[in-house]
Amino acid sequence: MRIADIDPQSDTALALLREAALEVRPLYGEVPGPPWPTNAPLGPRDVYVAAFVGEAAIACGAIRELDSSTCEVHRMHVLQSHRRQGVARAILSHLHTEAKRLGYEGLRLETANRQTAAMRLYESYGFVRIRSASMLKIPQASAISYVFTKGARCQRLSKVRAASRPVIL
């Protein structure tokens, strides 16, 4: 498996995004079909990657700048046929490394409450659930979403204390 930067508006990125929508929408009572989600162009401190086996794209993930010291992990998805093989963790690790390289001090992400495997991955990687997205009054966040944070700056902002060890970039 190799992880490579890709254009978020490429056919590869959009195909993976469609697959994610087909899988997630029924979890929340939505019809799995058009309109399909899209990706914005990359900003100067954004990264969008895909994991490949041979020439086949099997997963994706991204980081985008929230402010000068914090980025958001988003667009994480692994095709069902490649799950439980460490692909998501490899992408998350790659994005974490890129965040450090780009000078971010903290990572944040949002995931919906029925995506329990994703929540377990993020918590096992050191992210801390801070509260529901609706409580944080995040624009476009749903009441069924949770926000996770990783990094010293994010923890200070949210007044989170890690139960075991401090999590820093």
N, C-alpha and C. Protein backbone atom coordinates (compact mmCIF):
# COMPACT_ATOMS: atom_id res chain seq x y z
N MET A 1 0.84 -1.18 0.00
CA MET A 1 0.00 0.00 0.00
C MET A 1 0.88 1.24 0.00
N ARG A 2 0.47 2.23 -0.76
CA ARG A 2 1.17 3.51 -0.76
C ARG A 2 0.14 4.62 -0.53
N ILE A 3 0.58 5.67 0.13
CA ILE A 3 -0.27 6.84 0.37
C ILE A 3 0.31 7.99 -0.43
N ALA A 4 -0.55 8.65 -1.21
CA ALA A 4 -0.08 9.72 -2.08
C ALA A 4 -1.04 10.91 -2.02
N ASP A 5 -0.46 12.10 -2.20
CA ASP A 5 -1.27 13.31 -2.31
C ASP A 5 -2.10 13.22 -3.59
N ILE A 6 -3.35 13.64 -3.50
CA ILE A 6 -4.20 13.71 -4.69
C ILE A 6 -4.98 15.02 -4.67
N ASP A 7 -5.50 15.38 -5.82
CA ASP A 7 -6.37 16.55 -5.96
C ASP A 7 -7.74 16.18 -5.39
N PRO A 8 -8.27 16.95 -4.44
CA PRO A 8 -9.57 16.60 -3.86
C PRO A 8 -10.73 16.67 -4.85
N GLN A 9 -10.50 17.31 -5.99
CA GLN A 9 -11.55 17.41 -7.00
C GLN A 9 -11.35 16.40 -8.13
N SER A 10 -10.38 15.50 -7.96
CA SER A 10 -10.11 14.49 -8.99
C SER A 10 -11.19 13.41 -8.99
N ASP A 11 -11.24 12.65 -10.07
CA ASP A 11 -12.20 11.54 -10.15
C ASP A 11 -11.96 10.53 -9.03
N THR A 12 -10.70 10.29 -8.69
CA THR A 12 -10.36 9.35 -7.63
C THR A 12 -10.93 9.80 -6.29
N ALA A 13 -10.71 11.06 -5.93
CA ALA A 13 -11.21 11.59 -4.66
C ALA A 13 -12.73 11.57 -4.62
N LEU A 14 -13.36 11.99 -5.70
CA LEU A 14 -14.82 12.06 -5.72
C LEU A 14 -15.46 10.69 -5.71
N ALA A 15 -14.83 9.69 -6.33
CA ALA A 15 -15.35 8.32 -6.30
C ALA A 15 -15.32 7.77 -4.87
N LEU A 16 -14.24 8.01 -4.15
CA LEU A 16 -14.16 7.55 -2.76
C LEU A 16 -15.18 8.28 -1.88
N LEU A 17 -15.38 9.55 -2.14
CA LEU A 17 -16.34 10.34 -1.39
C LEU A 17 -17.77 9.83 -1.64
N ARG A 18 -18.08 9.46 -2.89
CA ARG A 18 -19.39 8.88 -3.21
C ARG A 18 -19.60 7.56 -2.46
N GLU A 19 -18.56 6.73 -2.42
CA GLU A 19 -18.64 5.45 -1.69
C GLU A 19 -18.93 5.70 -0.21
N ALA A 20 -18.27 6.70 0.36
CA ALA A 20 -18.51 7.03 1.76
C ALA A 20 -19.96 7.47 1.97
N ALA A 21 -20.49 8.28 1.07
CA ALA A 21 -21.87 8.75 1.18
C ALA A 21 -22.86 7.59 1.06
N LEU A 22 -22.59 6.67 0.14
CA LEU A 22 -23.47 5.51 -0.02
C LEU A 22 -23.55 4.67 1.25
N GLU A 23 -22.47 4.61 1.97
CA GLU A 23 -22.41 3.82 3.19
C GLU A 23 -22.99 4.55 4.39
N VAL A 24 -22.70 5.82 4.53
CA VAL A 24 -23.07 6.55 5.75
C VAL A 24 -24.50 7.06 5.72
N ARG A 25 -24.99 7.50 4.60
CA ARG A 25 -26.33 8.10 4.57
C ARG A 25 -27.41 7.18 5.15
N PRO A 26 -27.44 5.89 4.83
CA PRO A 26 -28.49 5.03 5.41
C PRO A 26 -28.42 4.91 6.94
N LEU A 27 -27.25 5.11 7.52
CA LEU A 27 -27.13 5.06 8.98
C LEU A 27 -27.98 6.12 9.66
N TYR A 28 -28.26 7.20 8.93
CA TYR A 28 -28.98 8.34 9.50
C TYR A 28 -30.31 8.59 8.79
N GLY A 29 -30.84 7.53 8.14
CA GLY A 29 -32.15 7.63 7.52
C GLY A 29 -32.20 8.40 6.23
N GLU A 30 -31.06 8.62 5.61
CA GLU A 30 -31.02 9.35 4.35
C GLU A 30 -30.98 8.35 3.19
N VAL A 31 -31.49 8.78 2.05
CA VAL A 31 -31.45 7.95 0.85
C VAL A 31 -30.04 8.00 0.26
N PRO A 32 -29.45 6.83 -0.03
CA PRO A 32 -28.08 6.82 -0.57
C PRO A 32 -28.05 7.10 -2.07
N GLY A 33 -28.01 8.35 -2.43
CA GLY A 33 -27.95 8.73 -3.84
C GLY A 33 -27.65 10.19 -3.98
N PRO A 34 -27.77 10.71 -5.22
CA PRO A 34 -27.49 12.13 -5.44
C PRO A 34 -28.37 13.01 -4.56
N PRO A 35 -27.97 14.23 -4.27
CA PRO A 35 -26.74 14.87 -4.75
C PRO A 35 -25.51 14.33 -4.03
N TRP A 36 -24.44 14.19 -4.77
CA TRP A 36 -23.19 13.67 -4.21
C TRP A 36 -22.39 14.79 -3.56
N PRO A 37 -21.69 14.48 -2.49
CA PRO A 37 -20.84 15.49 -1.86
C PRO A 37 -19.68 15.86 -2.79
N THR A 38 -19.15 17.03 -2.56
CA THR A 38 -18.01 17.51 -3.36
C THR A 38 -16.90 17.95 -2.41
N ASN A 39 -15.75 18.19 -2.95
CA ASN A 39 -14.61 18.70 -2.18
C ASN A 39 -14.23 20.08 -2.69
N ALA A 40 -13.87 20.95 -1.78
CA ALA A 40 -13.34 22.26 -2.14
C ALA A 40 -11.89 22.10 -2.59
N PRO A 41 -11.39 23.06 -3.34
CA PRO A 41 -9.96 23.02 -3.70
C PRO A 41 -9.10 23.11 -2.44
N LEU A 42 -7.87 22.63 -2.54
CA LEU A 42 -6.95 22.70 -1.41
C LEU A 42 -6.52 24.12 -1.12
N GLY A 43 -6.44 24.44 0.16
CA GLY A 43 -5.84 25.69 0.58
C GLY A 43 -4.34 25.49 0.70
N PRO A 44 -3.59 26.55 0.99
CA PRO A 44 -2.13 26.44 1.03
C PRO A 44 -1.59 25.50 2.12
N ARG A 45 -2.36 25.28 3.18
CA ARG A 45 -1.90 24.38 4.26
C ARG A 45 -2.83 23.18 4.43
N ASP A 46 -3.47 22.78 3.34
CA ASP A 46 -4.36 21.62 3.34
C ASP A 46 -3.66 20.45 2.65
N VAL A 47 -4.08 19.25 3.00
CA VAL A 47 -3.53 18.03 2.41
C VAL A 47 -4.69 17.08 2.15
N TYR A 48 -4.69 16.44 1.00
CA TYR A 48 -5.70 15.42 0.67
C TYR A 48 -4.93 14.23 0.12
N VAL A 49 -5.15 13.05 0.72
CA VAL A 49 -4.40 11.86 0.31
C VAL A 49 -5.34 10.70 0.01
N ALA A 50 -4.80 9.76 -0.75
CA ALA A 50 -5.48 8.48 -0.98
C ALA A 50 -4.48 7.37 -0.75
N ALA A 51 -4.99 6.23 -0.31
CA ALA A 51 -4.18 5.02 -0.18
C ALA A 51 -4.47 4.17 -1.41
N PHE A 52 -3.41 3.61 -1.96
CA PHE A 52 -3.53 2.79 -3.17
C PHE A 52 -2.94 1.41 -2.95
N VAL A 53 -3.60 0.42 -3.52
CA VAL A 53 -3.03 -0.91 -3.67
C VAL A 53 -2.91 -1.09 -5.17
N GLY A 54 -1.68 -1.15 -5.66
CA GLY A 54 -1.47 -1.09 -7.10
C GLY A 54 -1.96 0.26 -7.60
N GLU A 55 -2.84 0.24 -8.56
CA GLU A 55 -3.42 1.49 -9.08
C GLU A 55 -4.79 1.80 -8.49
N ALA A 56 -5.31 0.89 -7.66
CA ALA A 56 -6.66 1.05 -7.12
C ALA A 56 -6.64 1.88 -5.84
N ALA A 57 -7.45 2.93 -5.82
CA ALA A 57 -7.61 3.75 -4.62
C ALA A 57 -8.54 3.02 -3.66
N ILE A 58 -8.08 2.84 -2.41
CA ILE A 58 -8.85 2.08 -1.43
C ILE A 58 -9.29 2.91 -0.23
N ALA A 59 -8.75 4.14 -0.10
CA ALA A 59 -9.07 4.95 1.08
C ALA A 59 -8.64 6.39 0.83
N CYS A 60 -9.17 7.28 1.67
CA CYS A 60 -8.76 8.69 1.57
C CYS A 60 -8.84 9.34 2.94
N GLY A 61 -8.26 10.52 3.02
CA GLY A 61 -8.30 11.33 4.22
C GLY A 61 -7.69 12.68 3.91
N ALA A 62 -7.97 13.65 4.77
CA ALA A 62 -7.48 15.01 4.50
C ALA A 62 -7.32 15.79 5.80
N ILE A 63 -6.54 16.85 5.72
CA ILE A 63 -6.51 17.87 6.76
C ILE A 63 -6.74 19.21 6.08
N ARG A 64 -7.44 20.09 6.80
CA ARG A 64 -7.63 21.45 6.30
C ARG A 64 -7.46 22.42 7.45
N GLU A 65 -6.96 23.56 7.11
CA GLU A 65 -6.65 24.58 8.11
C GLU A 65 -7.92 25.15 8.72
N LEU A 66 -7.96 25.19 10.05
CA LEU A 66 -9.03 25.87 10.77
C LEU A 66 -8.56 27.25 11.21
N ASP A 67 -7.34 27.32 11.71
CA ASP A 67 -6.68 28.58 12.04
C ASP A 67 -5.19 28.33 11.94
N SER A 68 -4.39 29.31 12.28
CA SER A 68 -2.94 29.20 12.06
C SER A 68 -2.29 28.04 12.81
N SER A 69 -2.92 27.55 13.88
CA SER A 69 -2.28 26.48 14.64
C SER A 69 -3.11 25.21 14.76
N THR A 70 -4.30 25.19 14.16
CA THR A 70 -5.17 24.02 14.26
C THR A 70 -5.70 23.61 12.89
N CYS A 71 -5.69 22.30 12.64
CA CYS A 71 -6.28 21.79 11.41
C CYS A 71 -7.34 20.75 11.74
N GLU A 72 -8.20 20.50 10.78
CA GLU A 72 -9.26 19.52 10.94
C GLU A 72 -8.95 18.30 10.09
N VAL A 73 -9.07 17.12 10.69
CA VAL A 73 -9.00 15.87 9.95
C VAL A 73 -10.40 15.64 9.39
N HIS A 74 -10.49 15.37 8.10
CA HIS A 74 -11.80 15.11 7.52
C HIS A 74 -11.66 14.21 6.30
N ARG A 75 -12.78 13.79 5.77
CA ARG A 75 -12.85 12.93 4.57
C ARG A 75 -12.17 11.58 4.76
N MET A 76 -12.13 11.09 6.00
CA MET A 76 -11.56 9.77 6.26
C MET A 76 -12.54 8.69 5.80
N HIS A 77 -12.08 7.81 4.91
CA HIS A 77 -12.92 6.70 4.46
C HIS A 77 -12.03 5.59 3.91
N VAL A 78 -12.38 4.36 4.27
CA VAL A 78 -11.70 3.17 3.75
C VAL A 78 -12.78 2.28 3.13
N LEU A 79 -12.54 1.80 1.92
CA LEU A 79 -13.49 0.88 1.30
C LEU A 79 -13.68 -0.34 2.21
N GLN A 80 -14.90 -0.84 2.26
CA GLN A 80 -15.22 -1.95 3.16
C GLN A 80 -14.30 -3.15 2.96
N SER A 81 -13.93 -3.42 1.74
CA SER A 81 -13.10 -4.60 1.45
C SER A 81 -11.67 -4.48 1.99
N HIS A 82 -11.28 -3.30 2.46
CA HIS A 82 -9.91 -3.09 2.97
C HIS A 82 -9.88 -2.66 4.44
N ARG A 83 -10.99 -2.81 5.12
CA ARG A 83 -11.04 -2.44 6.53
C ARG A 83 -10.38 -3.50 7.41
N ARG A 84 -10.03 -3.06 8.63
CA ARG A 84 -9.42 -3.93 9.64
C ARG A 84 -8.07 -4.46 9.19
N GLN A 85 -7.39 -3.64 8.35
CA GLN A 85 -6.06 -3.99 7.86
C GLN A 85 -5.05 -2.88 8.17
N GLY A 86 -5.45 -1.90 8.99
CA GLY A 86 -4.55 -0.82 9.37
C GLY A 86 -4.50 0.34 8.39
N VAL A 87 -5.37 0.35 7.40
CA VAL A 87 -5.34 1.39 6.38
C VAL A 87 -5.72 2.75 6.97
N ALA A 88 -6.81 2.80 7.73
CA ALA A 88 -7.25 4.07 8.32
C ALA A 88 -6.19 4.63 9.27
N ARG A 89 -5.60 3.75 10.09
CA ARG A 89 -4.55 4.19 11.00
C ARG A 89 -3.35 4.72 10.23
N ALA A 90 -2.99 4.08 9.12
CA ALA A 90 -1.86 4.54 8.30
C ALA A 90 -2.15 5.93 7.71
N ILE A 91 -3.37 6.15 7.24
CA ILE A 91 -3.73 7.47 6.70
C ILE A 91 -3.72 8.51 7.82
N LEU A 92 -4.30 8.17 8.96
CA LEU A 92 -4.33 9.10 10.09
C LEU A 92 -2.91 9.45 10.53
N SER A 93 -2.03 8.48 10.59
CA SER A 93 -0.64 8.72 10.95
C SER A 93 0.05 9.62 9.93
N HIS A 94 -0.22 9.36 8.66
CA HIS A 94 0.35 10.19 7.59
C HIS A 94 -0.13 11.64 7.73
N LEU A 95 -1.43 11.81 7.96
CA LEU A 95 -1.98 13.17 8.11
C LEU A 95 -1.42 13.85 9.35
N HIS A 96 -1.23 13.11 10.43
CA HIS A 96 -0.64 13.66 11.65
C HIS A 96 0.77 14.16 11.37
N THR A 97 1.55 13.37 10.65
CA THR A 97 2.91 13.77 10.28
C THR A 97 2.89 15.03 9.42
N GLU A 98 1.98 15.08 8.47
CA GLU A 98 1.86 16.27 7.61
C GLU A 98 1.45 17.49 8.43
N ALA A 99 0.56 17.31 9.39
CA ALA A 99 0.14 18.43 10.25
C ALA A 99 1.33 19.00 11.01
N LYS A 100 2.16 18.12 11.55
CA LYS A 100 3.36 18.59 12.26
C LYS A 100 4.29 19.31 11.30
N ARG A 101 4.49 18.75 10.10
CA ARG A 101 5.37 19.36 9.11
C ARG A 101 4.89 20.76 8.74
N LEU A 102 3.58 20.93 8.68
CA LEU A 102 3.00 22.23 8.30
C LEU A 102 2.91 23.21 9.47
N GLY A 103 3.33 22.78 10.66
CA GLY A 103 3.38 23.68 11.80
C GLY A 103 2.13 23.75 12.64
N TYR A 104 1.19 22.84 12.44
CA TYR A 104 -0.01 22.84 13.27
C TYR A 104 0.33 22.33 14.67
N GLU A 105 -0.33 22.89 15.67
CA GLU A 105 -0.14 22.47 17.06
C GLU A 105 -1.25 21.55 17.54
N GLY A 106 -2.35 21.50 16.82
CA GLY A 106 -3.47 20.66 17.24
C GLY A 106 -4.30 20.19 16.08
N LEU A 107 -4.97 19.08 16.29
CA LEU A 107 -5.87 18.49 15.30
C LEU A 107 -7.27 18.43 15.90
N ARG A 108 -8.27 18.61 15.07
CA ARG A 108 -9.64 18.46 15.50
C ARG A 108 -10.38 17.67 14.44
N LEU A 109 -11.40 16.96 14.83
CA LEU A 109 -12.23 16.27 13.85
C LEU A 109 -13.63 16.15 14.39
N GLU A 110 -14.55 15.92 13.48
CA GLU A 110 -15.95 15.71 13.84
C GLU A 110 -16.38 14.40 13.21
N THR A 111 -17.10 13.59 13.96
CA THR A 111 -17.66 12.37 13.40
C THR A 111 -19.03 12.15 14.01
N ALA A 112 -19.89 11.48 13.28
CA ALA A 112 -21.26 11.26 13.74
C ALA A 112 -21.33 10.10 14.72
N ASN A 113 -22.35 10.11 15.54
CA ASN A 113 -22.45 9.19 16.66
C ASN A 113 -22.65 7.73 16.27
N ARG A 114 -23.06 7.43 15.08
CA ARG A 114 -23.26 6.04 14.68
C ARG A 114 -22.05 5.43 13.99
N GLN A 115 -20.99 6.19 13.90
CA GLN A 115 -19.76 5.69 13.28
C GLN A 115 -18.81 5.25 14.40
N THR A 116 -19.22 4.19 15.07
CA THR A 116 -18.50 3.74 16.26
C THR A 116 -17.09 3.24 15.96
N ALA A 117 -16.90 2.59 14.83
CA ALA A 117 -15.55 2.13 14.49
C ALA A 117 -14.61 3.32 14.31
N ALA A 118 -15.11 4.38 13.69
CA ALA A 118 -14.29 5.59 13.52
C ALA A 118 -13.96 6.20 14.87
N MET A 119 -14.94 6.27 15.76
CA MET A 119 -14.69 6.84 17.08
C MET A 119 -13.65 6.01 17.84
N ARG A 120 -13.73 4.68 17.74
CA ARG A 120 -12.74 3.83 18.41
C ARG A 120 -11.35 4.07 17.84
N LEU A 121 -11.25 4.22 16.52
CA LEU A 121 -9.95 4.50 15.89
C LEU A 121 -9.38 5.80 16.44
N TYR A 122 -10.17 6.86 16.43
CA TYR A 122 -9.67 8.17 16.86
C TYR A 122 -9.25 8.14 18.33
N GLU A 123 -10.05 7.51 19.17
CA GLU A 123 -9.70 7.43 20.59
C GLU A 123 -8.44 6.59 20.79
N SER A 124 -8.28 5.51 20.03
CA SER A 124 -7.08 4.67 20.18
C SER A 124 -5.84 5.39 19.68
N TYR A 125 -6.02 6.37 18.81
CA TYR A 125 -4.91 7.13 18.28
C TYR A 125 -4.52 8.30 19.21
N GLY A 126 -5.33 8.56 20.22
CA GLY A 126 -5.01 9.62 21.16
C GLY A 126 -5.92 10.83 21.11
N PHE A 127 -6.92 10.81 20.23
CA PHE A 127 -7.89 11.90 20.22
C PHE A 127 -8.77 11.78 21.45
N VAL A 128 -9.24 12.91 21.95
CA VAL A 128 -10.11 12.97 23.11
C VAL A 128 -11.44 13.58 22.68
N ARG A 129 -12.53 12.89 23.01
CA ARG A 129 -13.86 13.43 22.69
C ARG A 129 -14.13 14.58 23.63
N ILE A 130 -14.45 15.75 23.09
CA ILE A 130 -14.66 16.90 23.97
C ILE A 130 -16.13 17.16 24.24
N ARG A 131 -17.00 16.96 23.29
CA ARG A 131 -18.44 17.10 23.50
C ARG A 131 -19.15 17.02 22.16
N SER A 132 -20.45 17.14 22.20
CA SER A 132 -21.18 17.09 20.94
C SER A 132 -20.93 18.38 20.16
N ALA A 133 -20.94 18.26 18.86
CA ALA A 133 -20.67 19.41 17.99
C ALA A 133 -21.72 20.50 18.18
N SER A 134 -22.96 20.12 18.39
CA SER A 134 -24.00 21.14 18.56
C SER A 134 -23.77 21.97 19.82
N MET A 135 -23.20 21.37 20.87
CA MET A 135 -22.90 22.12 22.10
C MET A 135 -21.80 23.14 21.85
N LEU A 136 -20.91 22.85 20.91
CA LEU A 136 -19.82 23.78 20.61
C LEU A 136 -20.23 24.87 19.64
N LYS A 137 -21.47 24.78 19.12
CA LYS A 137 -21.99 25.76 18.17
C LYS A 137 -21.09 25.89 16.94
N ILE A 138 -20.68 24.74 16.40
CA ILE A 138 -19.87 24.70 15.18
C ILE A 138 -20.81 24.83 13.99
N PRO A 139 -20.57 25.80 13.10
CA PRO A 139 -21.43 25.94 11.93
C PRO A 139 -21.49 24.64 11.15
N GLN A 140 -22.66 24.28 10.67
CA GLN A 140 -22.92 23.11 9.85
C GLN A 140 -22.73 21.79 10.59
N ALA A 141 -22.55 21.82 11.90
CA ALA A 141 -22.42 20.57 12.66
C ALA A 141 -23.82 20.09 13.04
N SER A 142 -23.97 18.81 13.09
CA SER A 142 -25.27 18.26 13.44
C SER A 142 -25.30 17.90 14.92
N ALA A 143 -26.51 17.74 15.43
CA ALA A 143 -26.67 17.37 16.83
C ALA A 143 -26.21 15.95 17.11
N ILE A 144 -25.98 15.16 16.06
CA ILE A 144 -25.57 13.77 16.25
C ILE A 144 -24.07 13.60 16.04
N SER A 145 -23.34 14.69 16.04
CA SER A 145 -21.89 14.63 15.82
C SER A 145 -21.14 14.87 17.11
N TYR A 146 -19.95 14.28 17.18
CA TYR A 146 -19.02 14.51 18.28
C TYR A 146 -17.75 15.14 17.75
N VAL A 147 -17.14 15.98 18.55
CA VAL A 147 -15.88 16.61 18.18
C VAL A 147 -14.79 15.98 19.02
N PHE A 148 -13.68 15.65 18.36
CA PHE A 148 -12.52 15.08 19.01
C PHE A 148 -11.36 16.04 18.81
N THR A 149 -10.42 16.03 19.73
CA THR A 149 -9.27 16.91 19.64
C THR A 149 -8.00 16.15 20.00
N LYS A 150 -6.90 16.59 19.41
CA LYS A 150 -5.59 16.01 19.71
C LYS A 150 -4.59 17.14 19.63
N GLY A 151 -3.80 17.29 20.67
CA GLY A 151 -2.77 18.32 20.65
C GLY A 151 -2.94 19.27 21.83
N ALA A 152 -1.84 19.79 22.29
CA ALA A 152 -1.84 20.64 23.48
C ALA A 152 -2.71 21.87 23.30
N ARG A 153 -2.61 22.54 22.16
CA ARG A 153 -3.38 23.77 21.97
C ARG A 153 -4.87 23.48 21.99
N CYS A 154 -5.30 22.43 21.31
CA CYS A 154 -6.72 22.09 21.29
C CYS A 154 -7.22 21.76 22.68
N GLN A 155 -6.42 21.07 23.46
CA GLN A 155 -6.85 20.73 24.81
C GLN A 155 -6.99 21.97 25.67
N ARG A 156 -6.08 22.93 25.53
CA ARG A 156 -6.20 24.16 26.31
C ARG A 156 -7.47 24.91 25.92
N LEU A 157 -7.74 24.98 24.62
CA LEU A 157 -8.91 25.72 24.16
C LEU A 157 -10.20 25.10 24.66
N SER A 158 -10.25 23.78 24.72
CA SER A 158 -11.48 23.12 25.12
C SER A 158 -11.50 22.75 26.60
N LYS A 159 -10.44 23.11 27.33
CA LYS A 159 -10.32 22.81 28.75
C LYS A 159 -10.43 21.32 29.01
N VAL A 160 -9.84 20.54 28.11
CA VAL A 160 -9.86 19.09 28.25
C VAL A 160 -8.60 18.65 28.96
N ARG A 161 -8.74 17.71 29.84
CA ARG A 161 -7.57 17.10 30.48
C ARG A 161 -7.59 15.62 30.11
N ALA A 162 -6.49 15.16 29.51
CA ALA A 162 -6.39 13.74 29.17
C ALA A 162 -6.34 12.93 30.45
N ALA A 163 -7.05 11.83 30.47
CA ALA A 163 -7.14 11.02 31.68
C ALA A 163 -5.81 10.35 32.02
N SER A 164 -5.05 9.95 31.02
CA SER A 164 -3.83 9.21 31.31
C SER A 164 -2.58 10.02 31.04
N ARG A 165 -2.38 10.41 29.82
CA ARG A 165 -1.16 11.13 29.47
C ARG A 165 -1.52 12.33 28.60
N PRO A 166 -0.74 13.38 28.64
CA PRO A 166 -1.02 14.51 27.75
C PRO A 166 -0.79 14.10 26.30
N VAL A 167 -1.67 14.53 25.42
CA VAL A 167 -1.54 14.22 24.00
C VAL A 167 -1.10 15.48 23.29
N ILE A 168 0.07 15.45 22.73
CA ILE A 168 0.59 16.61 22.03
C ILE A 168 1.09 16.20 20.67
N LEU A 169 1.15 17.15 19.76
CA LEU A 169 1.71 16.88 18.44
C LEU A 169 3.17 16.80 18.60
